[in-house]
Amino acid sequence: MKMEIGELSSICTLAKNEESAIRERLKQVQIKIDELPYLMQRIELSIERDALRQELLSAENKHGNLLSEMEFVKNKTVVQD
């Protein structure tokens, strides 16, 4: 099969363009890989923040319950006196 120089040049240009596109895609993938530790840290912090928020809500509920019990005892004591 005999190819003309123009065809070979065209094929080479296409191959070079594909190579450039692949290299650019590899750079994008590398950037995403490089960002993974940062993203993992953000996820861990988000999970930790949510856990602390749950602990705070639990503590607030316990505090509210204790205040209610104290008020009940106080009212009971006042009534008995």
PDB file of N, CA and C in Angstrom:
ATOM      1  N   MET A   1       0.861  -1.170   0.000  1.00  0.00           N
ATOM      2  CA  MET A   1       0.000   0.000   0.000  1.00  0.00           C
ATOM      3  C   MET A   1       0.898   1.222   0.000  1.00  0.00           C
ATOM      4  N   LYS A   2       0.691   2.033  -0.979  1.00  0.00           N
ATOM      5  CA  LYS A   2       1.525   3.205  -1.136  1.00  0.00           C
ATOM      6  C   LYS A   2       0.768   4.431  -0.636  1.00  0.00           C
ATOM      7  N   MET A   3       1.386   5.202   0.262  1.00  0.00           N
ATOM      8  CA  MET A   3       0.748   6.402   0.798  1.00  0.00           C
ATOM      9  C   MET A   3       1.503   7.621   0.294  1.00  0.00           C
ATOM     10  N   GLU A   4       0.752   8.643   0.104  1.00  0.00           N
ATOM     11  CA  GLU A   4       1.371   9.899  -0.300  1.00  0.00           C
ATOM     12  C   GLU A   4       1.901  10.637   0.922  1.00  0.00           C
ATOM     13  N   ILE A   5       2.814  11.530   0.681  1.00  0.00           N
ATOM     14  CA  ILE A   5       3.407  12.309   1.766  1.00  0.00           C
ATOM     15  C   ILE A   5       2.332  13.101   2.489  1.00  0.00           C
ATOM     16  N   GLY A   6       1.360  13.624   1.775  1.00  0.00           N
ATOM     17  CA  GLY A   6       0.271  14.385   2.383  1.00  0.00           C
ATOM     18  C   GLY A   6      -0.527  13.534   3.360  1.00  0.00           C
ATOM     19  N   GLU A   7      -0.795  12.288   2.973  1.00  0.00           N
ATOM     20  CA  GLU A   7      -1.537  11.378   3.860  1.00  0.00           C
ATOM     21  C   GLU A   7      -0.725  11.053   5.111  1.00  0.00           C
ATOM     22  N   LEU A   8       0.556  10.768   4.912  1.00  0.00           N
ATOM     23  CA  LEU A   8       1.423  10.475   6.050  1.00  0.00           C
ATOM     24  C   LEU A   8       1.514  11.683   6.984  1.00  0.00           C
ATOM     25  N   SER A   9       1.619  12.852   6.404  1.00  0.00           N
ATOM     26  CA  SER A   9       1.691  14.073   7.201  1.00  0.00           C
ATOM     27  C   SER A   9       0.401  14.268   7.988  1.00  0.00           C
ATOM     28  N   SER A  10      -0.716  13.998   7.351  1.00  0.00           N
ATOM     29  CA  SER A  10      -2.012  14.123   7.998  1.00  0.00           C
ATOM     30  C   SER A  10      -2.145  13.128   9.158  1.00  0.00           C
ATOM     31  N   ILE A  11      -1.707  11.892   8.927  1.00  0.00           N
ATOM     32  CA  ILE A  11      -1.762  10.865   9.976  1.00  0.00           C
ATOM     33  C   ILE A  11      -0.862  11.267  11.145  1.00  0.00           C
ATOM     34  N   CYS A  12       0.336  11.781  10.825  1.00  0.00           N
ATOM     35  CA  CYS A  12       1.255  12.222  11.876  1.00  0.00           C
ATOM     36  C   CYS A  12       0.651  13.374  12.686  1.00  0.00           C
ATOM     37  N   THR A  13      -0.001  14.301  12.017  1.00  0.00           N
ATOM     38  CA  THR A  13      -0.638  15.428  12.693  1.00  0.00           C
ATOM     39  C   THR A  13      -1.749  14.936  13.618  1.00  0.00           C
ATOM     40  N   LEU A  14      -2.561  14.016  13.127  1.00  0.00           N
ATOM     41  CA  LEU A  14      -3.628  13.442  13.956  1.00  0.00           C
ATOM     42  C   LEU A  14      -3.045  12.733  15.178  1.00  0.00           C
ATOM     43  N   ALA A  15      -1.992  11.958  14.960  1.00  0.00           N
ATOM     44  CA  ALA A  15      -1.366  11.234  16.072  1.00  0.00           C
ATOM     45  C   ALA A  15      -0.791  12.217  17.093  1.00  0.00           C
ATOM     46  N   LYS A  16      -0.176  13.282  16.602  1.00  0.00           N
ATOM     47  CA  LYS A  16       0.394  14.288  17.509  1.00  0.00           C
ATOM     48  C   LYS A  16      -0.711  14.974  18.298  1.00  0.00           C
ATOM     49  N   ASN A  17      -1.837  15.271  17.641  1.00  0.00           N
ATOM     50  CA  ASN A  17      -2.966  15.887  18.338  1.00  0.00           C
ATOM     51  C   ASN A  17      -3.533  14.949  19.407  1.00  0.00           C
ATOM     52  N   GLU A  18      -3.636  13.676  19.070  1.00  0.00           N
ATOM     53  CA  GLU A  18      -4.122  12.692  20.043  1.00  0.00           C
ATOM     54  C   GLU A  18      -3.165  12.592  21.224  1.00  0.00           C
ATOM     55  N   GLU A  19      -1.867  12.587  20.941  1.00  0.00           N
ATOM     56  CA  GLU A  19      -0.874  12.534  21.998  1.00  0.00           C
ATOM     57  C   GLU A  19      -0.999  13.747  22.914  1.00  0.00           C
ATOM     58  N   SER A  20      -1.181  14.924  22.332  1.00  0.00           N
ATOM     59  CA  SER A  20      -1.343  16.138  23.125  1.00  0.00           C
ATOM     60  C   SER A  20      -2.585  16.062  24.003  1.00  0.00           C
ATOM     61  N   ALA A  21      -3.671  15.557  23.425  1.00  0.00           N
ATOM     62  CA  ALA A  21      -4.919  15.429  24.176  1.00  0.00           C
ATOM     63  C   ALA A  21      -4.744  14.443  25.342  1.00  0.00           C
ATOM     64  N   ILE A  22      -4.052  13.354  25.067  1.00  0.00           N
ATOM     65  CA  ILE A  22      -3.818  12.349  26.117  1.00  0.00           C
ATOM     66  C   ILE A  22      -2.938  12.931  27.215  1.00  0.00           C
ATOM     67  N   ARG A  23      -1.901  13.662  26.849  1.00  0.00           N
ATOM     68  CA  ARG A  23      -1.022  14.283  27.849  1.00  0.00           C
ATOM     69  C   ARG A  23      -1.797  15.292  28.703  1.00  0.00           C
ATOM     70  N   GLU A  24      -2.665  16.062  28.069  1.00  0.00           N
ATOM     71  CA  GLU A  24      -3.474  17.036  28.819  1.00  0.00           C
ATOM     72  C   GLU A  24      -4.406  16.321  29.785  1.00  0.00           C
ATOM     73  N   ARG A  25      -4.999  15.240  29.342  1.00  0.00           N
ATOM     74  CA  ARG A  25      -5.894  14.457  30.211  1.00  0.00           C
ATOM     75  C   ARG A  25      -5.109  13.865  31.390  1.00  0.00           C
ATOM     76  N   LEU A  26      -3.897  13.390  31.129  1.00  0.00           N
ATOM     77  CA  LEU A  26      -3.052  12.862  32.200  1.00  0.00           C
ATOM     78  C   LEU A  26      -2.730  13.941  33.219  1.00  0.00           C
ATOM     79  N   LYS A  27      -2.478  15.160  32.757  1.00  0.00           N
ATOM     80  CA  LYS A  27      -2.230  16.265  33.686  1.00  0.00           C
ATOM     81  C   LYS A  27      -3.439  16.503  34.564  1.00  0.00           C
ATOM     82  N   GLN A  28      -4.643  16.478  33.974  1.00  0.00           N
ATOM     83  CA  GLN A  28      -5.866  16.692  34.747  1.00  0.00           C
ATOM     84  C   GLN A  28      -6.048  15.591  35.785  1.00  0.00           C
ATOM     85  N   VAL A  29      -5.773  14.356  35.389  1.00  0.00           N
ATOM     86  CA  VAL A  29      -5.893  13.232  36.326  1.00  0.00           C
ATOM     87  C   VAL A  29      -4.870  13.387  37.447  1.00  0.00           C
ATOM     88  N   GLN A  30      -3.651  13.792  37.109  1.00  0.00           N
ATOM     89  CA  GLN A  30      -2.616  13.978  38.123  1.00  0.00           C
ATOM     90  C   GLN A  30      -3.014  15.060  39.109  1.00  0.00           C
ATOM     91  N   ILE A  31      -3.614  16.143  38.621  1.00  0.00           N
ATOM     92  CA  ILE A  31      -4.076  17.215  39.503  1.00  0.00           C
ATOM     93  C   ILE A  31      -5.113  16.664  40.476  1.00  0.00           C
ATOM     94  N   LYS A  32      -6.041  15.852  39.961  1.00  0.00           N
ATOM     95  CA  LYS A  32      -7.059  15.268  40.832  1.00  0.00           C
ATOM     96  C   LYS A  32      -6.437  14.329  41.858  1.00  0.00           C
ATOM     97  N   ILE A  33      -5.435  13.559  41.445  1.00  0.00           N
ATOM     98  CA  ILE A  33      -4.752  12.664  42.375  1.00  0.00           C
ATOM     99  C   ILE A  33      -4.036  13.485  43.444  1.00  0.00           C
ATOM    100  N   ASP A  34      -3.395  14.571  43.030  1.00  0.00           N
ATOM    101  CA  ASP A  34      -2.684  15.434  43.981  1.00  0.00           C
ATOM    102  C   ASP A  34      -3.638  16.073  44.992  1.00  0.00           C
ATOM    103  N   GLU A  35      -4.894  16.284  44.591  1.00  0.00           N
ATOM    104  CA  GLU A  35      -5.886  16.899  45.478  1.00  0.00           C
ATOM    105  C   GLU A  35      -6.482  15.909  46.476  1.00  0.00           C
ATOM    106  N   LEU A  36      -6.286  14.622  46.269  1.00  0.00           N
ATOM    107  CA  LEU A  36      -6.915  13.607  47.127  1.00  0.00           C
ATOM    108  C   LEU A  36      -6.596  13.758  48.612  1.00  0.00           C
ATOM    109  N   PRO A  37      -5.338  13.963  49.003  1.00  0.00           N
ATOM    110  CA  PRO A  37      -5.088  14.119  50.445  1.00  0.00           C
ATOM    111  C   PRO A  37      -5.869  15.294  51.045  1.00  0.00           C
ATOM    112  N   TYR A  38      -5.922  16.401  50.320  1.00  0.00           N
ATOM    113  CA  TYR A  38      -6.673  17.567  50.801  1.00  0.00           C
ATOM    114  C   TYR A  38      -8.155  17.239  50.923  1.00  0.00           C
ATOM    115  N   LEU A  39      -8.694  16.580  49.910  1.00  0.00           N
ATOM    116  CA  LEU A  39     -10.118  16.220  49.938  1.00  0.00           C
ATOM    117  C   LEU A  39     -10.411  15.225  51.057  1.00  0.00           C
ATOM    118  N   MET A  40      -9.511  14.266  51.271  1.00  0.00           N
ATOM    119  CA  MET A  40      -9.701  13.299  52.352  1.00  0.00           C
ATOM    120  C   MET A  40      -9.685  14.008  53.705  1.00  0.00           C
ATOM    121  N   GLN A  41      -8.801  14.973  53.858  1.00  0.00           N
ATOM    122  CA  GLN A  41      -8.739  15.733  55.108  1.00  0.00           C
ATOM    123  C   GLN A  41     -10.040  16.493  55.326  1.00  0.00           C
ATOM    124  N   ARG A  42     -10.570  17.088  54.257  1.00  0.00           N
ATOM    125  CA  ARG A  42     -11.834  17.815  54.384  1.00  0.00           C
ATOM    126  C   ARG A  42     -12.969  16.874  54.754  1.00  0.00           C
ATOM    127  N   ILE A  43     -12.980  15.689  54.180  1.00  0.00           N
ATOM    128  CA  ILE A  43     -14.024  14.704  54.496  1.00  0.00           C
ATOM    129  C   ILE A  43     -13.908  14.290  55.970  1.00  0.00           C
ATOM    130  N   GLU A  44     -12.669  14.018  56.409  1.00  0.00           N
ATOM    131  CA  GLU A  44     -12.461  13.625  57.807  1.00  0.00           C
ATOM    132  C   GLU A  44     -12.897  14.739  58.750  1.00  0.00           C
ATOM    133  N   LEU A  45     -12.571  15.977  58.407  1.00  0.00           N
ATOM    134  CA  LEU A  45     -12.978  17.106  59.248  1.00  0.00           C
ATOM    135  C   LEU A  45     -14.496  17.250  59.265  1.00  0.00           C
ATOM    136  N   SER A  46     -15.113  17.008  58.121  1.00  0.00           N
ATOM    137  CA  SER A  46     -16.573  17.094  58.045  1.00  0.00           C
ATOM    138  C   SER A  46     -17.221  16.022  58.925  1.00  0.00           C
ATOM    139  N   ILE A  47     -16.669  14.818  58.883  1.00  0.00           N
ATOM    140  CA  ILE A  47     -17.195  13.729  59.706  1.00  0.00           C
ATOM    141  C   ILE A  47     -17.002  14.061  61.185  1.00  0.00           C
ATOM    142  N   GLU A  48     -15.809  14.580  61.514  1.00  0.00           N
ATOM    143  CA  GLU A  48     -15.533  14.948  62.899  1.00  0.00           C
ATOM    144  C   GLU A  48     -16.468  16.066  63.362  1.00  0.00           C
ATOM    145  N   ARG A  49     -16.695  17.054  62.493  1.00  0.00           N
ATOM    146  CA  ARG A  49     -17.597  18.153  62.829  1.00  0.00           C
ATOM    147  C   ARG A  49     -19.003  17.629  63.076  1.00  0.00           C
ATOM    148  N   ASP A  50     -19.463  16.716  62.238  1.00  0.00           N
ATOM    149  CA  ASP A  50     -20.804  16.149  62.427  1.00  0.00           C
ATOM    150  C   ASP A  50     -20.898  15.371  63.736  1.00  0.00           C
ATOM    151  N   ALA A  51     -19.841  14.636  64.068  1.00  0.00           N
ATOM    152  CA  ALA A  51     -19.841  13.883  65.326  1.00  0.00           C
ATOM    153  C   ALA A  51     -19.882  14.844  66.517  1.00  0.00           C
ATOM    154  N   LEU A  52     -19.098  15.919  66.435  1.00  0.00           N
ATOM    155  CA  LEU A  52     -19.111  16.911  67.523  1.00  0.00           C
ATOM    156  C   LEU A  52     -20.467  17.595  67.629  1.00  0.00           C
ATOM    157  N   ARG A  53     -21.096  17.852  66.496  1.00  0.00           N
ATOM    158  CA  ARG A  53     -22.428  18.461  66.504  1.00  0.00           C
ATOM    159  C   ARG A  53     -23.420  17.537  67.200  1.00  0.00           C
ATOM    160  N   GLN A  54     -23.318  16.230  66.938  1.00  0.00           N
ATOM    161  CA  GLN A  54     -24.206  15.262  67.590  1.00  0.00           C
ATOM    162  C   GLN A  54     -23.945  15.227  69.095  1.00  0.00           C
ATOM    163  N   GLU A  55     -22.674  15.273  69.481  1.00  0.00           N
ATOM    164  CA  GLU A  55     -22.335  15.293  70.912  1.00  0.00           C
ATOM    165  C   GLU A  55     -22.905  16.535  71.579  1.00  0.00           C
ATOM    166  N   LEU A  56     -22.805  17.668  70.892  1.00  0.00           N
ATOM    167  CA  LEU A  56     -23.332  18.921  71.437  1.00  0.00           C
ATOM    168  C   LEU A  56     -24.842  18.843  71.607  1.00  0.00           C
ATOM    169  N   LEU A  57     -25.530  18.325  70.609  1.00  0.00           N
ATOM    170  CA  LEU A  57     -26.984  18.178  70.716  1.00  0.00           C
ATOM    171  C   LEU A  57     -27.353  17.260  71.879  1.00  0.00           C
ATOM    172  N   SER A  58     -26.600  16.183  72.021  1.00  0.00           N
ATOM    173  CA  SER A  58     -26.857  15.255  73.124  1.00  0.00           C
ATOM    174  C   SER A  58     -26.640  15.949  74.467  1.00  0.00           C
ATOM    175  N   ALA A  59     -25.554  16.710  74.567  1.00  0.00           N
ATOM    176  CA  ALA A  59     -25.270  17.432  75.814  1.00  0.00           C
ATOM    177  C   ALA A  59     -26.354  18.472  76.092  1.00  0.00           C
ATOM    178  N   GLU A  60     -26.807  19.150  75.055  1.00  0.00           N
ATOM    179  CA  GLU A  60     -27.877  20.146  75.237  1.00  0.00           C
ATOM    180  C   GLU A  60     -29.157  19.468  75.714  1.00  0.00           C
ATOM    181  N   ASN A  61     -29.472  18.307  75.168  1.00  0.00           N
ATOM    182  CA  ASN A  61     -30.661  17.569  75.592  1.00  0.00           C
ATOM    183  C   ASN A  61     -30.543  17.129  77.051  1.00  0.00           C
ATOM    184  N   LYS A  62     -29.356  16.616  77.408  1.00  0.00           N
ATOM    185  CA  LYS A  62     -29.152  16.203  78.801  1.00  0.00           C
ATOM    186  C   LYS A  62     -29.271  17.405  79.731  1.00  0.00           C
ATOM    187  N   HIS A  63     -28.708  18.527  79.316  1.00  0.00           N
ATOM    188  CA  HIS A  63     -28.786  19.742  80.131  1.00  0.00           C
ATOM    189  C   HIS A  63     -30.246  20.162  80.304  1.00  0.00           C
ATOM    190  N   GLY A  64     -31.005  20.129  79.197  1.00  0.00           N
ATOM    191  CA  GLY A  64     -32.425  20.475  79.270  1.00  0.00           C
ATOM    192  C   GLY A  64     -33.184  19.539  80.178  1.00  0.00           C
ATOM    193  N   ASN A  65     -32.870  18.256  80.111  1.00  0.00           N
ATOM    194  CA  ASN A  65     -33.525  17.274  80.985  1.00  0.00           C
ATOM    195  C   ASN A  65     -33.191  17.532  82.447  1.00  0.00           C
ATOM    196  N   LEU A  66     -31.924  17.852  82.711  1.00  0.00           N
ATOM    197  CA  LEU A  66     -31.523  18.138  84.100  1.00  0.00           C
ATOM    198  C   LEU A  66     -32.222  19.387  84.618  1.00  0.00           C
ATOM    199  N   LEU A  67     -32.331  20.410  83.765  1.00  0.00           N
ATOM    200  CA  LEU A  67     -33.036  21.619  84.188  1.00  0.00           C
ATOM    201  C   LEU A  67     -34.504  21.313  84.504  1.00  0.00           C
ATOM    202  N   SER A  68     -35.115  20.477  83.681  1.00  0.00           N
ATOM    203  CA  SER A  68     -36.508  20.100  83.928  1.00  0.00           C
ATOM    204  C   SER A  68     -36.641  19.338  85.240  1.00  0.00           C
ATOM    205  N   GLU A  69     -35.720  18.418  85.484  1.00  0.00           N
ATOM    206  CA  GLU A  69     -35.757  17.658  86.735  1.00  0.00           C
ATOM    207  C   GLU A  69     -35.551  18.579  87.931  1.00  0.00           C
ATOM    208  N   MET A  70     -34.608  19.513  87.804  1.00  0.00           N
ATOM    209  CA  MET A  70     -34.357  20.455  88.904  1.00  0.00           C
ATOM    210  C   MET A  70     -35.593  21.299  89.174  1.00  0.00           C
ATOM    211  N   GLU A  71     -36.252  21.747  88.129  1.00  0.00           N
ATOM    212  CA  GLU A  71     -37.464  22.553  88.282  1.00  0.00           C
ATOM    213  C   GLU A  71     -38.557  21.723  88.947  1.00  0.00           C
ATOM    214  N   PHE A  72     -38.685  20.448  88.542  1.00  0.00           N
ATOM    215  CA  PHE A  72     -39.670  19.557  89.129  1.00  0.00           C
ATOM    216  C   PHE A  72     -39.401  19.367  90.619  1.00  0.00           C
ATOM    217  N   VAL A  73     -38.134  19.097  90.963  1.00  0.00           N
ATOM    218  CA  VAL A  73     -37.770  18.905  92.370  1.00  0.00           C
ATOM    219  C   VAL A  73     -38.009  20.186  93.153  1.00  0.00           C
ATOM    220  N   LYS A  74     -37.653  21.302  92.561  1.00  0.00           N
ATOM    221  CA  LYS A  74     -37.848  22.600  93.231  1.00  0.00           C
ATOM    222  C   LYS A  74     -39.334  22.837  93.497  1.00  0.00           C
ATOM    223  N   ASN A  75     -40.166  22.592  92.499  1.00  0.00           N
ATOM    224  CA  ASN A  75     -41.611  22.781  92.661  1.00  0.00           C
ATOM    225  C   ASN A  75     -42.181  21.799  93.679  1.00  0.00           C
ATOM    226  N   LYS A  76     -41.693  20.573  93.662  1.00  0.00           N
ATOM    227  CA  LYS A  76     -42.154  19.561  94.606  1.00  0.00           C
ATOM    228  C   LYS A  76     -41.763  19.964  96.034  1.00  0.00           C
ATOM    229  N   THR A  77     -40.566  20.477  96.188  1.00  0.00           N
ATOM    230  CA  THR A  77     -40.084  20.904  97.508  1.00  0.00           C
ATOM    231  C   THR A  77     -40.899  22.085  98.010  1.00  0.00           C
ATOM    232  N   VAL A  78     -41.199  23.038  97.119  1.00  0.00           N
ATOM    233  CA  VAL A  78     -41.982  24.224  97.506  1.00  0.00           C
ATOM    234  C   VAL A  78     -43.379  23.817  97.915  1.00  0.00           C
ATOM    235  N   VAL A  79     -43.969  22.877  97.188  1.00  0.00           N
ATOM    236  CA  VAL A  79     -45.328  22.433  97.482  1.00  0.00           C
ATOM    237  C   VAL A  79     -45.358  21.713  98.831  1.00  0.00           C
ATOM    238  N   GLN A  80     -44.337  20.901  99.136  1.00  0.00           N
ATOM    239  CA  GLN A  80     -44.316  20.132 100.387  1.00  0.00           C
ATOM    240  C   GLN A  80     -44.054  21.021 101.597  1.00  0.00           C
ATOM    241  N   ASP A  81     -43.386  22.151 101.429  1.00  0.00           N
ATOM    242  CA  ASP A  81     -43.070  23.038 102.562  1.00  0.00           C
ATOM    243  C   ASP A  81     -44.250  23.730 103.075  1.00  0.00           C
TER     244      ASP A  81
END
